[in-house]
Protein backbone atom coordinates (compact mmCIF):
# COMPACT_ATOMS: atom_id res chain seq x y z
CA MET A 1 -8.20 12.08 9.65
CA THR A 2 -9.31 8.99 11.51
CA TYR A 3 -11.50 6.18 10.30
CA SER A 4 -12.26 2.63 11.32
CA ILE A 5 -11.01 -0.37 9.37
CA LYS A 6 -11.79 -4.07 9.31
CA VAL A 7 -8.43 -5.82 9.10
CA LEU A 8 -8.38 -8.97 6.94
CA GLY A 9 -4.69 -9.90 7.06
CA ALA A 10 -1.34 -9.42 8.76
CA GLU A 11 0.50 -6.14 8.33
CA THR A 12 3.43 -6.18 5.93
CA ASN A 13 5.61 -3.52 4.34
CA LEU A 14 6.41 -2.41 0.82
CA GLY A 15 10.10 -3.34 0.97
CA SER A 16 9.39 -5.37 -2.18
CA ALA A 17 6.42 -5.44 -4.55
CA THR A 18 3.47 -7.31 -3.04
CA ASN A 19 -0.19 -7.93 -3.82
CA VAL A 20 -0.87 -7.68 -0.04
CA ASP A 21 -2.63 -11.05 0.25
CA ASN A 22 -4.57 -10.43 -2.98
CA ALA A 23 -6.27 -7.43 -1.39
CA THR A 24 -8.67 -5.16 -3.25
CA ILE A 25 -8.45 -2.48 -0.54
CA VAL A 26 -5.17 -1.77 1.27
CA HIS A 27 -4.57 0.46 4.28
CA LEU A 28 -1.20 2.20 3.84
CA PHE A 29 0.77 4.14 6.45
CA ASN A 30 4.03 5.97 5.76
CA ALA A 31 6.20 5.72 8.89
CA HIS A 32 9.27 7.13 7.10
CA SER A 33 10.64 10.62 7.81
CA ALA A 34 10.08 11.66 4.18
CA ALA A 35 7.37 11.32 1.57
CA VAL A 36 7.47 8.14 -0.53
CA VAL A 37 6.16 7.33 -3.99
CA ILE A 38 3.80 4.34 -4.08
CA VAL A 39 3.71 2.42 -7.37
CA ARG A 40 0.84 0.19 -8.51
CA SER A 41 1.74 -2.46 -11.09
CA ASP A 42 0.00 -5.45 -12.59
CA SER A 43 0.94 -9.08 -11.90
CA SER A 44 3.59 -8.89 -14.67
CA ASP A 45 5.21 -5.83 -13.02
CA VAL A 46 3.96 -3.42 -15.68
CA GLY A 47 3.35 -0.02 -14.07
CA ILE A 48 -0.24 1.19 -13.84
CA GLY A 49 0.25 4.38 -11.85
CA SER A 50 1.82 6.03 -8.83
CA PHE A 51 1.16 8.60 -6.12
CA THR A 52 3.02 10.30 -3.27
CA LEU A 53 2.27 9.35 0.33
CA GLY A 54 3.39 12.03 2.76
CA THR A 55 5.21 11.53 6.06
CA GLY A 56 2.84 10.10 8.69
CA GLN A 57 0.03 9.93 6.14
CA MET A 58 -2.36 6.99 5.91
CA ILE A 59 -4.80 6.18 3.13
CA LYS A 60 -6.98 3.43 1.73
CA CYS A 61 -5.85 2.30 -1.72
CA GLU A 62 -8.10 0.34 -4.10
CA LYS A 63 -6.55 -2.15 -6.54
CA ASP A 64 -7.23 -5.41 -8.36
CA PRO A 65 -6.40 -8.57 -6.35
CA SER A 66 -3.37 -9.51 -8.47
CA ASP A 67 -2.00 -5.95 -8.71
CA LYS A 68 1.13 -5.20 -6.70
CA LEU A 69 2.10 -2.20 -4.61
CA SER A 70 5.66 -1.08 -4.01
CA ALA A 71 7.52 2.01 -2.85
CA SER A 72 10.16 3.62 -5.05
CA ALA A 73 12.40 4.02 -1.95
CA ASN A 74 12.15 3.37 1.81
CA GLY A 75 9.41 0.77 1.31
CA GLY A 76 10.30 -0.98 4.55
CA SER A 77 8.81 2.02 6.36
CA VAL A 78 5.50 1.85 4.50
CA LYS A 79 3.08 -0.42 6.34
CA ALA A 80 0.35 -2.18 4.37
CA SER A 81 -2.67 -4.18 5.55
CA LYS A 82 -5.47 -5.90 3.66
CA ILE A 83 -8.78 -4.40 4.80
CA ALA A 84 -12.47 -4.69 3.98
CA TYR A 85 -14.18 -2.15 1.75
CA SER A 86 -16.05 0.48 3.73
């Protein structure tokens, strides 16, 4: 699946929990050789939910500005960018 995005910030990774520049929409890409579990938590690190992102998969993830995203393992291979809502 391909789609266009409007990038609003520098790309980072999910090596540690981040709010991705206070983004409400985040473009995620899993560059790791295995699926990874993405965890959404609030600003106090209380878990809200999680989902699996497959190898080579990219998605748009909606969250609150102060919410953080992290990967349960191999987060350095998960690329994250703040993007505009489309």
